[in-house]
Amino acid sequence: MFKKVLIAEDFYSINIALIQTLENMGVTQIEHAKYCDDALLKAKKALQDNSPFDLLISDLSFETDYRTVTIASGEELIAAIRLLQPSIPVLVYTVEDKSFVVKSLVEDIHVNAFVHKGRNSISQLKTAMETILFGGTFVSQNLTHALKENAFNEIEDYDEQLLLHLSNGDTIEEIEQIFKNQNIKPNSKSYIEKRISKLKDIFKAKTTIHLVSLAKDMGII
């Protein structure tokens, strides 16, 4: 079983439930952070102390408050920690259930498990951790369809808004700020870039201009 686990989760009650579950599974060292910036600092310190974490459990969305943060989303945190520690297993624990998010995190970012918060999520967490230990990938049963669906059928409101802003001539940096202001998530620059690249693959578009043109022709925007 994993011995040292880092939890990035901003809700106290969920943190407590996660810690109790991990302790019952025999995890001996558990650290948690309410902010992604703090989680990254803990990961850096663990590496400096030659005692790295052997599992990251992270939510995707973190509520904003009075504190100014550098890393605002779980997706950004995963990318930052993976730069430091490329082989660290990652378990995403979230209420997010959009198909394209699940598919992107599992197939593009290569998270090891995607557990949907719900009634049976604690038992699924245990199964997910055991699956990771044996080299497998786990996705909550109610979301496994996301990995089987044709990508073209996964165009959702998020993509439509992204394509609309691209058609208006907004830059990726401007779209990032607009999404953050409107609390549209995921809203990191890296995710937006990856999603645009994925949309190009879906539409078989050679350029962003070509992508927008195809989206207009198909009546999506």
Protein backbone atom coordinates (compact mmCIF):
# COMPACT_ATOMS: atom_id res chain seq x y z
CA MET A 1 0.00 0.00 0.00
CA PHE A 2 1.04 3.60 -0.45
CA LYS A 3 2.93 4.99 2.54
CA LYS A 4 3.04 8.74 1.92
CA VAL A 5 0.06 10.53 0.35
CA LEU A 6 -0.59 14.19 -0.46
CA ILE A 7 -4.21 15.38 -0.53
CA ALA A 8 -5.22 18.63 -2.28
CA GLU A 9 -8.80 19.37 -1.24
CA ASP A 10 -10.37 22.59 0.06
CA PHE A 11 -13.37 21.16 1.95
CA TYR A 12 -12.61 20.19 5.55
CA SER A 13 -15.25 17.45 5.77
CA ILE A 14 -13.95 15.72 2.65
CA ASN A 15 -10.37 15.99 3.91
CA ILE A 16 -11.37 14.26 7.15
CA ALA A 17 -13.14 11.45 5.30
CA LEU A 18 -10.15 10.95 3.00
CA ILE A 19 -7.68 10.89 5.87
CA GLN A 20 -9.75 8.35 7.81
CA THR A 21 -10.06 6.15 4.71
CA LEU A 22 -6.32 6.26 4.05
CA GLU A 23 -5.46 5.52 7.68
CA ASN A 24 -7.80 2.52 7.63
CA MET A 25 -5.95 1.29 4.53
CA GLY A 26 -2.60 1.47 6.30
CA VAL A 27 -1.21 4.72 4.90
CA THR A 28 1.22 5.98 7.54
CA GLN A 29 2.05 9.49 6.31
CA ILE A 30 -0.70 11.80 5.12
CA GLU A 31 -0.43 15.52 4.38
CA HIS A 32 -3.19 17.75 3.05
CA ALA A 33 -3.51 21.24 1.64
CA LYS A 34 -6.50 23.52 1.04
CA TYR A 35 -4.65 25.50 -1.63
CA CYS A 36 -2.85 24.18 -4.69
CA ASP A 37 0.13 26.48 -4.03
CA ASP A 38 0.57 24.90 -0.59
CA ALA A 39 0.29 21.40 -2.06
CA LEU A 40 3.06 22.18 -4.54
CA LEU A 41 5.28 23.52 -1.75
CA LYS A 42 4.73 20.31 0.24
CA ALA A 43 5.66 18.23 -2.81
CA LYS A 44 8.83 20.29 -3.33
CA LYS A 45 9.86 19.97 0.32
CA ALA A 46 9.25 16.23 0.31
CA LEU A 47 11.58 15.88 -2.68
CA GLN A 48 14.22 18.07 -1.03
CA ASP A 49 14.02 15.86 2.07
CA ASN A 50 14.48 12.76 -0.12
CA SER A 51 11.08 11.55 1.05
CA PRO A 52 8.73 12.14 -1.91
CA PHE A 53 5.04 11.43 -1.87
CA ASP A 54 4.06 8.22 -3.62
CA LEU A 55 0.48 9.30 -4.42
CA LEU A 56 -1.30 12.59 -5.11
CA ILE A 57 -5.06 12.81 -4.51
CA SER A 58 -6.48 16.05 -5.91
CA ASP A 59 -9.79 17.73 -6.56
CA LEU A 60 -10.10 19.73 -9.78
CA SER A 61 -11.96 22.81 -8.53
CA PHE A 62 -10.95 25.02 -5.62
CA GLU A 63 -13.11 27.85 -4.31
CA THR A 64 -11.67 31.36 -4.50
CA ASP A 65 -11.39 33.51 -1.38
CA TYR A 66 -9.34 36.42 -0.03
CA ARG A 67 -6.05 34.71 -0.83
CA THR A 68 -4.25 35.35 -4.12
CA VAL A 69 -3.02 32.11 -5.62
CA THR A 70 -0.66 31.15 -8.42
CA ILE A 71 -2.16 27.73 -9.10
CA ALA A 72 -5.94 27.83 -9.09
CA SER A 73 -7.01 24.40 -10.34
CA GLY A 74 -6.25 20.75 -9.75
CA GLU A 75 -5.31 20.29 -13.38
CA GLU A 76 -2.63 22.96 -13.05
CA LEU A 77 -1.42 21.40 -9.80
CA ILE A 78 -1.11 17.96 -11.39
CA ALA A 79 0.95 19.44 -14.23
CA ALA A 80 3.22 21.32 -11.80
CA ILE A 81 3.86 18.30 -9.57
CA ARG A 82 4.39 16.03 -12.56
CA LEU A 83 7.15 18.41 -13.73
CA LEU A 84 8.90 17.83 -10.41
CA GLN A 85 8.04 14.16 -10.07
CA PRO A 86 6.97 12.72 -13.45
CA SER A 87 6.25 9.22 -12.17
CA ILE A 88 3.97 10.13 -9.24
CA PRO A 89 0.59 8.38 -9.48
CA VAL A 90 -2.37 10.77 -9.50
CA LEU A 91 -5.90 10.08 -8.29
CA VAL A 92 -8.46 12.74 -9.20
CA TYR A 93 -11.35 12.97 -6.72
CA THR A 94 -14.01 15.38 -7.94
CA VAL A 95 -17.67 16.12 -8.62
CA GLU A 96 -16.76 16.89 -12.24
CA ASP A 97 -18.51 14.51 -14.63
CA LYS A 98 -18.16 16.06 -18.09
CA SER A 99 -17.09 13.44 -20.60
CA PHE A 100 -14.40 15.51 -22.28
CA VAL A 101 -12.80 16.33 -18.91
CA VAL A 102 -12.63 12.66 -17.91
CA LYS A 103 -11.30 11.64 -21.31
CA SER A 104 -8.68 14.40 -21.41
CA LEU A 105 -7.37 13.72 -17.89
CA VAL A 106 -7.12 9.96 -18.42
CA GLU A 107 -5.95 9.83 -22.04
CA ASP A 108 -4.01 13.10 -22.44
CA ILE A 109 -2.73 13.96 -18.96
CA HIS A 110 -2.53 10.28 -17.94
CA VAL A 111 -3.96 10.46 -14.44
CA ASN A 112 -4.09 6.99 -12.89
CA ALA A 113 -7.59 7.19 -11.44
CA PHE A 114 -10.69 9.37 -11.76
CA VAL A 115 -13.12 8.94 -8.87
CA HIS A 116 -16.44 10.75 -8.94
CA LYS A 117 -17.55 12.09 -5.55
CA GLY A 118 -20.81 10.45 -4.59
CA ARG A 119 -22.52 7.88 -2.39
CA ASN A 120 -20.08 5.07 -3.15
CA SER A 121 -16.97 7.17 -3.61
CA ILE A 122 -15.14 5.93 -0.48
CA SER A 123 -15.32 2.30 -1.60
CA GLN A 124 -14.30 3.41 -5.09
CA LEU A 125 -11.29 5.23 -3.62
CA LYS A 126 -10.09 1.98 -2.10
CA THR A 127 -10.56 0.12 -5.37
CA ALA A 128 -8.86 2.93 -7.30
CA MET A 129 -5.78 2.86 -5.04
CA GLU A 130 -5.50 -0.91 -5.31
CA THR A 131 -5.85 -0.66 -9.09
CA ILE A 132 -3.05 1.94 -9.26
CA LEU A 133 -0.79 -0.29 -7.13
CA PHE A 134 -1.16 -3.06 -9.69
CA GLY A 135 -0.43 -0.74 -12.60
CA GLY A 136 -3.99 -0.24 -13.80
CA THR A 137 -6.21 2.77 -14.47
CA PHE A 138 -9.47 3.29 -12.62
CA VAL A 139 -12.50 5.38 -13.62
CA SER A 140 -15.75 5.46 -11.64
CA GLN A 141 -18.27 3.14 -13.24
CA ASN A 142 -20.77 5.91 -13.94
CA LEU A 143 -18.12 7.70 -16.02
CA THR A 144 -16.53 4.84 -17.97
CA HIS A 145 -18.76 5.67 -20.93
CA ALA A 146 -16.64 8.82 -21.39
CA LEU A 147 -13.70 6.70 -22.56
CA LYS A 148 -15.81 4.82 -25.09
CA GLU A 149 -17.80 7.63 -26.71
CA ASN A 150 -16.91 9.08 -30.04
CA ALA A 151 -15.05 12.31 -29.33
CA PHE A 152 -17.15 14.27 -31.85
CA ASN A 153 -20.25 13.57 -29.78
CA GLU A 154 -18.63 15.11 -26.73
CA ILE A 155 -18.84 18.74 -27.87
CA GLU A 156 -20.43 20.50 -24.90
CA ASP A 157 -21.19 24.03 -23.71
CA TYR A 158 -17.56 24.55 -22.67
CA ASP A 159 -16.32 23.85 -26.22
CA GLU A 160 -18.98 26.06 -27.74
CA GLN A 161 -17.94 28.97 -25.54
CA LEU A 162 -14.28 28.34 -26.33
CA LEU A 163 -14.96 28.23 -30.07
CA LEU A 164 -17.11 31.36 -29.84
CA HIS A 165 -14.31 33.33 -28.17
CA LEU A 166 -11.84 32.08 -30.78
CA SER A 167 -14.20 33.22 -33.52
CA ASN A 168 -14.29 36.69 -31.88
CA GLY A 169 -10.52 36.86 -32.16
CA ASP A 170 -9.78 36.44 -28.44
CA THR A 171 -6.31 35.16 -27.59
CA ILE A 172 -5.76 32.16 -25.31
CA GLU A 173 -4.60 34.53 -22.56
CA GLU A 174 -7.77 36.61 -22.95
CA ILE A 175 -9.97 33.49 -22.92
CA GLU A 176 -8.20 32.28 -19.77
CA GLN A 177 -8.99 35.55 -18.01
CA ILE A 178 -12.59 35.61 -19.27
CA PHE A 179 -13.18 32.05 -18.05
CA LYS A 180 -11.66 32.86 -14.66
CA ASN A 181 -13.80 35.99 -14.33
CA GLN A 182 -16.91 34.00 -15.22
CA ASN A 183 -15.84 31.03 -13.05
CA ILE A 184 -15.87 28.71 -16.06
CA LYS A 185 -13.70 25.67 -15.34
CA PRO A 186 -11.23 24.31 -16.29
CA ASN A 187 -9.74 27.74 -17.01
CA SER A 188 -5.96 27.32 -17.02
CA LYS A 189 -4.02 28.38 -20.10
CA SER A 190 -2.51 24.89 -20.45
CA TYR A 191 -5.94 23.23 -20.40
CA ILE A 192 -7.38 25.69 -22.94
CA GLU A 193 -4.41 25.05 -25.25
CA LYS A 194 -4.85 21.28 -24.91
CA ARG A 195 -8.59 21.55 -25.52
CA ILE A 196 -8.06 23.62 -28.67
CA SER A 197 -5.56 21.01 -29.87
CA LYS A 198 -8.08 18.27 -29.11
CA LEU A 199 -10.82 20.13 -30.99
CA LYS A 200 -8.49 20.41 -33.99
CA ASP A 201 -8.09 16.63 -33.91
CA ILE A 202 -11.83 16.10 -33.59
CA PHE A 203 -12.64 18.41 -36.51
CA LYS A 204 -9.47 17.45 -38.43
CA ALA A 205 -8.61 21.15 -38.63
CA LYS A 206 -5.12 22.26 -39.66
CA THR A 207 -5.21 25.65 -37.93
CA THR A 208 -7.29 27.48 -35.35
CA ILE A 209 -8.81 29.60 -38.14
CA HIS A 210 -9.74 26.41 -39.99
CA LEU A 211 -11.24 25.02 -36.75
CA VAL A 212 -13.45 28.09 -36.28
CA SER A 213 -14.50 27.96 -39.92
CA LEU A 214 -15.53 24.29 -39.64
CA ALA A 215 -17.42 24.96 -36.40
CA LYS A 216 -19.36 27.73 -38.13
CA ASP A 217 -20.09 25.55 -41.15
CA MET A 218 -21.50 22.85 -38.87
CA GLY A 219 -23.67 25.35 -37.00
CA ILE A 220 -21.94 24.80 -33.65
CA ILE A 221 -21.30 28.52 -33.30
